[in-house]
């Protein structure tokens, strides 16, 4: 997508509850985590990478993943976040 108006038009169509998480960054690169709950069991963990130019977002890269249980072979190293 290109342009603020295109992004704003898309965001206006999204019906999700956004639960912000960690935000870190400095200068021209910022990273934000969030949980997007679309209802009906559709919950996604998201990561947004913002590249800034002159104080405004120049590019945004976003990744979405549905939460999933760790495989048994990883059980010794994982921690369940909902416990």
Protein backbone atom coordinates (compact mmCIF):
# COMPACT_ATOMS: atom_id res chain seq x y z
CA UNK A 1 0.00 0.00 0.00
CA UNK A 2 1.22 3.47 -0.71
CA UNK A 3 0.22 6.69 0.92
CA UNK A 4 -1.40 7.79 4.14
CA UNK A 5 -4.91 7.89 2.67
CA UNK A 6 -4.68 4.29 1.47
CA UNK A 7 -3.49 3.05 4.86
CA UNK A 8 -6.12 5.08 6.74
CA UNK A 9 -8.87 3.72 4.46
CA UNK A 10 -7.77 0.14 5.13
CA UNK A 11 -7.47 0.66 8.89
CA UNK A 12 -11.00 2.09 8.96
CA UNK A 13 -12.33 -1.27 7.68
CA UNK A 14 -10.61 -3.37 10.35
CA UNK A 15 -12.86 -4.46 13.17
CA UNK A 16 -10.36 -5.66 15.75
CA UNK A 17 -9.57 -4.97 19.37
CA UNK A 18 -5.94 -3.86 19.56
CA UNK A 19 -4.04 -4.61 22.75
CA UNK A 20 -0.70 -2.80 22.54
CA UNK A 21 2.43 -4.45 23.83
CA UNK A 22 6.05 -3.38 23.88
CA UNK A 23 7.22 -0.40 21.83
CA UNK A 24 10.95 0.12 21.37
CA UNK A 25 13.01 2.23 19.07
CA UNK A 26 15.27 5.14 18.53
CA UNK A 27 15.75 7.62 15.74
CA UNK A 28 14.32 6.37 12.49
CA UNK A 29 13.41 2.77 13.47
CA UNK A 30 10.62 1.80 15.88
CA UNK A 31 9.14 -1.63 16.63
CA UNK A 32 5.73 -2.25 18.20
CA UNK A 33 4.09 -5.46 19.37
CA UNK A 34 0.35 -5.90 19.70
CA UNK A 35 -2.39 -8.50 19.96
CA UNK A 36 -5.22 -8.04 17.47
CA UNK A 37 -8.48 -9.75 18.44
CA UNK A 38 -10.90 -9.98 15.51
CA UNK A 39 -13.50 -11.85 17.58
CA UNK A 40 -14.73 -15.38 17.06
CA UNK A 41 -11.38 -16.83 18.08
CA UNK A 42 -9.32 -14.95 15.47
CA UNK A 43 -6.46 -13.59 17.59
CA UNK A 44 -3.11 -12.62 16.11
CA UNK A 45 0.20 -11.65 17.63
CA UNK A 46 1.61 -8.81 15.55
CA UNK A 47 4.90 -7.02 15.11
CA UNK A 48 5.13 -3.69 13.30
CA UNK A 49 8.41 -2.20 12.13
CA UNK A 50 8.23 1.52 11.40
CA UNK A 51 10.90 3.37 9.47
CA UNK A 52 10.60 7.09 10.05
CA UNK A 53 11.57 10.00 7.87
CA UNK A 54 11.33 13.59 9.11
CA UNK A 55 9.15 12.53 12.04
CA UNK A 56 6.58 10.63 9.97
CA UNK A 57 6.20 6.97 9.06
CA UNK A 58 7.97 6.36 5.75
CA UNK A 59 7.48 2.58 5.68
CA UNK A 60 5.68 0.04 7.83
CA UNK A 61 6.33 -3.68 7.74
CA UNK A 62 3.91 -5.88 9.68
CA UNK A 63 3.93 -9.56 10.60
CA UNK A 64 0.92 -11.50 11.93
CA UNK A 65 0.89 -14.95 13.49
CA UNK A 66 -1.76 -16.96 15.24
CA UNK A 67 -0.61 -18.16 18.65
CA UNK A 68 0.25 -21.85 18.70
CA UNK A 69 1.46 -24.28 21.33
CA UNK A 70 5.14 -25.14 21.30
CA UNK A 71 5.92 -28.63 20.06
CA UNK A 72 6.59 -31.20 22.79
CA UNK A 73 10.24 -31.35 21.71
CA UNK A 74 10.62 -27.73 22.91
CA UNK A 75 8.85 -28.22 26.26
CA UNK A 76 12.06 -27.94 28.30
CA UNK A 77 12.70 -24.39 27.01
CA UNK A 78 9.30 -22.73 26.68
CA UNK A 79 7.13 -20.87 29.14
CA UNK A 80 3.37 -20.68 28.74
CA UNK A 81 2.42 -17.01 28.77
CA UNK A 82 -1.20 -17.60 29.80
CA UNK A 83 -0.23 -19.48 32.99
